[in-house]
């Protein structure tokens, strides 16, 4: 009972921290729901309510908990397989996935991606960069435009940057970017690197492989897709891992993986 109360309160407090970070999504509500459920469970234990619940309902509840736990275990394991990807040298095209842009500039998550992309591009001067991301209602401009300007300001030649400024999610990021690449080159067997935060690399690679495999005949074949993991803040990692786990399940059900 006490454990339920403690974890429930901590979950709600963590949700408040995520909400105050103003990431542009409502995912922080998940932590409020988890906290409320744990508090309710603690109350049920305290007042012996569980003994009045039919065994069938208890069985369904335990089955759901078990399925959820297994799903988290499997998806987190998959995420960790690409958590530290560095990519190969001299990749033909580097796709930098967009993230929230604030009135003051790139968010912390996006800044990590841009720093990682700039380091790679400076070390590999023949690599072409694709920056991708549209504009949400809470953003001052399209993510792709902000990213391109930032990279140019930090020493990357304008001629090396292709801008995609319409995508609203990871699937569109990669679909639109691969279309830009196919329009830009006649070469065969191109190599692609995807820059995103460590927790997001696995799903991005899987979506890119599915998207490139479904490309129309005549598009240049993709010989290799590498992940290049940008760091992330440890404090927000539980939220990002939980959100990413749900994203994997969603994209799997929608046929994007």
Protein backbone atom coordinates (compact mmCIF):
# COMPACT_ATOMS: atom_id res chain seq x y z
CA UNK A 1 0.00 0.00 0.00
CA UNK A 2 2.68 2.49 1.02
CA UNK A 3 4.75 1.61 -2.03
CA UNK A 4 1.74 2.31 -4.28
CA UNK A 5 1.24 5.70 -2.65
CA UNK A 6 4.91 6.65 -2.91
CA UNK A 7 5.32 5.59 -6.54
CA UNK A 8 1.96 7.15 -7.44
CA UNK A 9 2.93 10.52 -5.97
CA UNK A 10 6.37 10.37 -7.62
CA UNK A 11 4.70 9.59 -10.96
CA UNK A 12 2.45 12.63 -10.68
CA UNK A 13 5.39 14.86 -9.69
CA UNK A 14 7.40 13.53 -12.63
CA UNK A 15 4.46 14.27 -14.93
CA UNK A 16 4.45 17.86 -13.67
CA UNK A 17 8.16 18.14 -14.51
CA UNK A 18 7.52 16.81 -18.02
CA UNK A 19 4.62 19.22 -18.45
CA UNK A 20 6.78 22.18 -17.37
CA UNK A 21 9.39 21.20 -19.96
CA UNK A 22 6.82 22.21 -22.61
CA UNK A 23 7.83 19.55 -25.13
CA UNK A 24 4.86 20.31 -27.37
CA UNK A 25 2.95 17.10 -26.64
CA UNK A 26 0.39 15.98 -24.06
CA UNK A 27 2.28 12.78 -23.22
CA UNK A 28 2.88 14.01 -19.66
CA UNK A 29 -0.75 13.05 -19.00
CA UNK A 30 0.33 9.38 -19.07
CA UNK A 31 2.27 9.94 -15.85
CA UNK A 32 -0.78 11.52 -14.21
CA UNK A 33 -2.86 8.49 -15.21
CA UNK A 34 -0.23 6.06 -13.90
CA UNK A 35 -0.02 8.00 -10.65
CA UNK A 36 -3.80 8.11 -10.23
CA UNK A 37 -4.07 4.35 -10.86
CA UNK A 38 -1.38 3.59 -8.29
CA UNK A 39 -3.03 5.84 -5.72
CA UNK A 40 -6.37 4.16 -6.40
CA UNK A 41 -4.73 0.75 -6.01
CA UNK A 42 -3.21 1.82 -2.71
CA UNK A 43 -6.63 2.93 -1.45
CA UNK A 44 -8.15 -0.38 -2.55
CA UNK A 45 -5.48 -2.30 -0.66
CA UNK A 46 -5.88 -0.12 2.42
CA UNK A 47 -9.64 -0.66 2.62
CA UNK A 48 -9.57 -4.32 1.46
CA UNK A 49 -11.56 -3.55 -1.69
CA UNK A 50 -9.60 -6.05 -3.77
CA UNK A 51 -11.17 -8.98 -1.94
CA UNK A 52 -14.59 -7.95 -3.24
CA UNK A 53 -13.56 -7.92 -6.91
CA UNK A 54 -14.59 -11.04 -8.92
CA UNK A 55 -11.78 -13.41 -9.83
CA UNK A 56 -12.51 -12.97 -13.54
CA UNK A 57 -11.87 -9.24 -13.37
CA UNK A 58 -8.73 -9.84 -11.32
CA UNK A 59 -7.53 -12.27 -13.97
CA UNK A 60 -8.16 -9.78 -16.77
CA UNK A 61 -6.36 -7.06 -14.84
CA UNK A 62 -3.33 -9.27 -14.17
CA UNK A 63 -3.26 -10.39 -17.81
CA UNK A 64 -3.21 -6.76 -18.98
CA UNK A 65 -0.43 -5.94 -16.53
CA UNK A 66 1.57 -8.94 -17.74
CA UNK A 67 1.14 -8.05 -21.41
CA UNK A 68 2.13 -4.46 -20.69
CA UNK A 69 5.23 -5.52 -18.77
CA UNK A 70 6.32 -7.92 -21.52
CA UNK A 71 5.74 -5.23 -24.15
CA UNK A 72 7.92 -2.77 -22.24
CA UNK A 73 10.63 -5.38 -21.70
CA UNK A 74 10.77 -6.32 -25.38
CA UNK A 75 10.54 -2.80 -26.81
CA UNK A 76 13.09 -1.38 -24.39
CA UNK A 77 15.42 -4.22 -25.30
CA UNK A 78 15.03 -3.35 -28.99
CA UNK A 79 15.63 0.34 -28.29
CA UNK A 80 18.83 -0.49 -26.43
CA UNK A 81 20.24 -2.43 -29.41
CA UNK A 82 20.83 0.87 -31.22
CA UNK A 83 21.23 3.17 -28.24
CA UNK A 84 24.91 3.90 -28.92
CA UNK A 85 25.07 3.71 -32.73
CA UNK A 86 27.84 5.81 -34.26
CA UNK A 87 27.42 5.03 -37.97
CA UNK A 88 30.10 4.51 -40.61
CA UNK A 89 32.33 7.18 -42.08
CA UNK A 90 31.64 8.83 -45.46
CA UNK A 91 27.92 8.06 -45.58
CA UNK A 92 26.34 9.45 -48.76
CA UNK A 93 23.33 11.11 -47.08
CA UNK A 94 22.77 12.12 -43.49
CA UNK A 95 19.11 12.54 -42.47
CA UNK A 96 18.66 14.68 -39.36
CA UNK A 97 15.21 14.17 -37.86
CA UNK A 98 13.40 17.24 -36.60
CA UNK A 99 12.17 17.96 -33.10
CA UNK A 100 10.49 20.87 -31.36
CA UNK A 101 11.57 24.39 -32.26
CA UNK A 102 10.90 27.07 -29.67
CA UNK A 103 10.75 30.86 -30.21
CA UNK A 104 14.29 31.01 -28.80
CA UNK A 105 15.59 28.35 -31.20
CA UNK A 106 16.07 24.55 -31.19
CA UNK A 107 14.78 22.66 -28.16
CA UNK A 108 17.29 20.71 -26.07
CA UNK A 109 16.38 17.47 -27.87
CA UNK A 110 16.88 19.07 -31.28
CA UNK A 111 20.08 20.79 -30.16
CA UNK A 112 21.62 17.41 -29.32
CA UNK A 113 20.74 16.18 -32.82
CA UNK A 114 22.18 19.24 -34.52
CA UNK A 115 25.41 19.09 -32.51
CA UNK A 116 25.84 15.43 -33.46
CA UNK A 117 25.03 16.11 -37.12
CA UNK A 118 27.45 19.05 -37.32
CA UNK A 119 30.27 16.99 -35.84
CA UNK A 120 29.67 14.22 -38.38
CA UNK A 121 29.38 16.58 -41.35
CA UNK A 122 32.56 18.43 -40.45
CA UNK A 123 34.43 15.12 -40.18
CA UNK A 124 32.92 13.79 -43.43
CA UNK A 125 32.94 16.65 -45.96
CA UNK A 126 31.48 14.61 -48.85
CA UNK A 127 28.27 13.72 -46.99
CA UNK A 128 25.07 15.51 -48.03
CA UNK A 129 22.67 16.45 -45.23
CA UNK A 130 18.87 16.28 -45.26
CA UNK A 131 17.13 18.23 -42.49
CA UNK A 132 13.51 17.26 -42.03
CA UNK A 133 10.58 18.58 -40.06
CA UNK A 134 7.48 20.68 -40.63
CA UNK A 135 5.86 23.37 -38.50
CA UNK A 136 3.40 22.60 -35.73
CA UNK A 137 0.94 25.09 -34.30
CA UNK A 138 3.30 25.77 -31.36
CA UNK A 139 6.41 26.41 -33.47
CA UNK A 140 7.53 29.73 -35.00
CA UNK A 141 8.71 28.09 -38.25
CA UNK A 142 9.30 24.72 -39.87
CA UNK A 143 11.86 22.60 -38.06
CA UNK A 144 13.73 21.91 -41.30
CA UNK A 145 14.33 25.61 -41.92
CA UNK A 146 15.58 26.20 -38.38
CA UNK A 147 17.89 23.22 -38.62
CA UNK A 148 19.34 24.27 -41.97
CA UNK A 149 20.05 27.79 -40.74
CA UNK A 150 21.70 26.46 -37.57
CA UNK A 151 23.97 24.11 -39.52
CA UNK A 152 24.98 26.88 -41.95
CA UNK A 153 25.76 29.17 -39.01
CA UNK A 154 28.00 26.43 -37.62
CA UNK A 155 30.15 25.88 -40.66
CA UNK A 156 28.18 23.53 -42.94
CA UNK A 157 28.00 24.70 -46.56
CA UNK A 158 24.52 25.59 -47.79
CA UNK A 159 25.09 23.48 -50.91
CA UNK A 160 25.38 20.35 -48.77
CA UNK A 161 21.94 20.76 -47.18
CA UNK A 162 18.58 19.58 -48.52
CA UNK A 163 15.52 20.89 -46.70
CA UNK A 164 12.30 18.96 -46.05
CA UNK A 165 9.77 21.20 -44.29
CA UNK A 166 6.41 19.38 -44.41
CA UNK A 167 6.74 16.25 -42.23
CA UNK A 168 4.68 16.00 -39.05
CA UNK A 169 5.97 12.68 -37.65
CA UNK A 170 8.85 10.22 -37.96
CA UNK A 171 7.24 8.25 -40.79
CA UNK A 172 6.76 11.39 -42.88
CA UNK A 173 10.25 12.61 -41.95
CA UNK A 174 11.79 9.52 -43.50
CA UNK A 175 9.41 9.11 -46.43
CA UNK A 176 9.85 12.72 -47.53
CA UNK A 177 13.60 12.64 -46.97
CA UNK A 178 14.05 9.50 -49.04
CA UNK A 179 12.01 11.14 -51.80
CA UNK A 180 14.33 14.16 -51.73
CA UNK A 181 17.35 11.88 -51.94
CA UNK A 182 15.92 9.90 -54.85
CA UNK A 183 15.24 13.15 -56.71
CA UNK A 184 18.73 14.44 -56.01
CA UNK A 185 20.82 11.50 -57.19
CA UNK A 186 21.05 8.92 -59.94
CA UNK A 187 23.62 6.87 -58.08
CA UNK A 188 22.95 3.31 -57.06
CA UNK A 189 23.56 1.63 -53.76
CA UNK A 190 23.52 4.78 -51.61
CA UNK A 191 24.28 4.75 -47.90
CA UNK A 192 22.15 6.69 -45.40
CA UNK A 193 22.73 7.75 -41.83
CA UNK A 194 19.93 8.82 -39.51
CA UNK A 195 20.69 11.28 -36.73
CA UNK A 196 18.27 11.26 -33.83
CA UNK A 197 18.38 10.87 -30.06
CA UNK A 198 19.56 7.56 -28.63
CA UNK A 199 16.11 6.36 -27.55
CA UNK A 200 14.69 7.05 -31.03
CA UNK A 201 17.32 5.40 -33.23
CA UNK A 202 15.87 1.87 -33.37
CA UNK A 203 12.40 2.91 -34.55
CA UNK A 204 13.83 5.40 -37.04
CA UNK A 205 16.06 2.77 -38.64
CA UNK A 206 13.22 0.26 -38.87
CA UNK A 207 10.87 2.81 -40.46
CA UNK A 208 13.58 3.87 -42.92
CA UNK A 209 14.25 0.26 -43.95
CA UNK A 210 10.53 -0.35 -44.47
CA UNK A 211 10.14 2.90 -46.41
CA UNK A 212 13.17 2.30 -48.64
CA UNK A 213 12.02 -1.26 -49.28
CA UNK A 214 8.61 0.00 -50.44
CA UNK A 215 10.12 2.67 -52.74
CA UNK A 216 8.90 2.71 -56.37
CA UNK A 217 10.94 0.99 -59.04
CA UNK A 218 13.58 3.28 -60.46
CA UNK A 219 14.54 4.88 -57.16
CA UNK A 220 18.21 4.42 -56.27
CA UNK A 221 18.61 1.34 -54.06
CA UNK A 222 19.62 1.93 -50.46
CA UNK A 223 22.61 -0.27 -49.71
CA UNK A 224 22.94 0.59 -46.02
CA UNK A 225 21.10 2.49 -43.30
CA UNK A 226 23.03 3.46 -40.17
CA UNK A 227 21.87 5.08 -36.99
CA UNK A 228 23.88 7.89 -35.44
CA UNK A 229 22.77 8.38 -31.86
CA UNK A 230 22.66 11.85 -30.36
CA UNK A 231 22.57 12.02 -26.55
CA UNK A 232 19.57 12.86 -24.40
CA UNK A 233 18.98 14.11 -20.86
CA UNK A 234 18.91 11.29 -18.30
CA UNK A 235 16.13 12.89 -16.26
CA UNK A 236 13.70 12.75 -19.18
CA UNK A 237 14.76 9.27 -20.33
CA UNK A 238 11.95 7.38 -18.52
CA UNK A 239 9.39 9.56 -20.29
CA UNK A 240 11.13 9.22 -23.65
CA UNK A 241 11.55 5.45 -23.32
CA UNK A 242 7.89 4.96 -22.39
CA UNK A 243 6.73 7.18 -25.24
CA UNK A 244 9.06 5.42 -27.68
CA UNK A 245 7.79 2.02 -26.57
CA UNK A 246 4.26 3.11 -27.39
CA UNK A 247 5.50 4.51 -30.69
CA UNK A 248 7.00 1.15 -31.65
CA UNK A 249 3.74 -0.64 -30.91
CA UNK A 250 1.72 1.99 -32.83
CA UNK A 251 3.96 1.86 -35.90
CA UNK A 252 4.03 -1.94 -35.83
CA UNK A 253 0.23 -2.05 -35.83
CA UNK A 254 0.07 0.53 -38.65
CA UNK A 255 2.54 -1.44 -40.78
CA UNK A 256 5.30 1.18 -40.62
CA UNK A 257 7.92 -1.23 -39.26
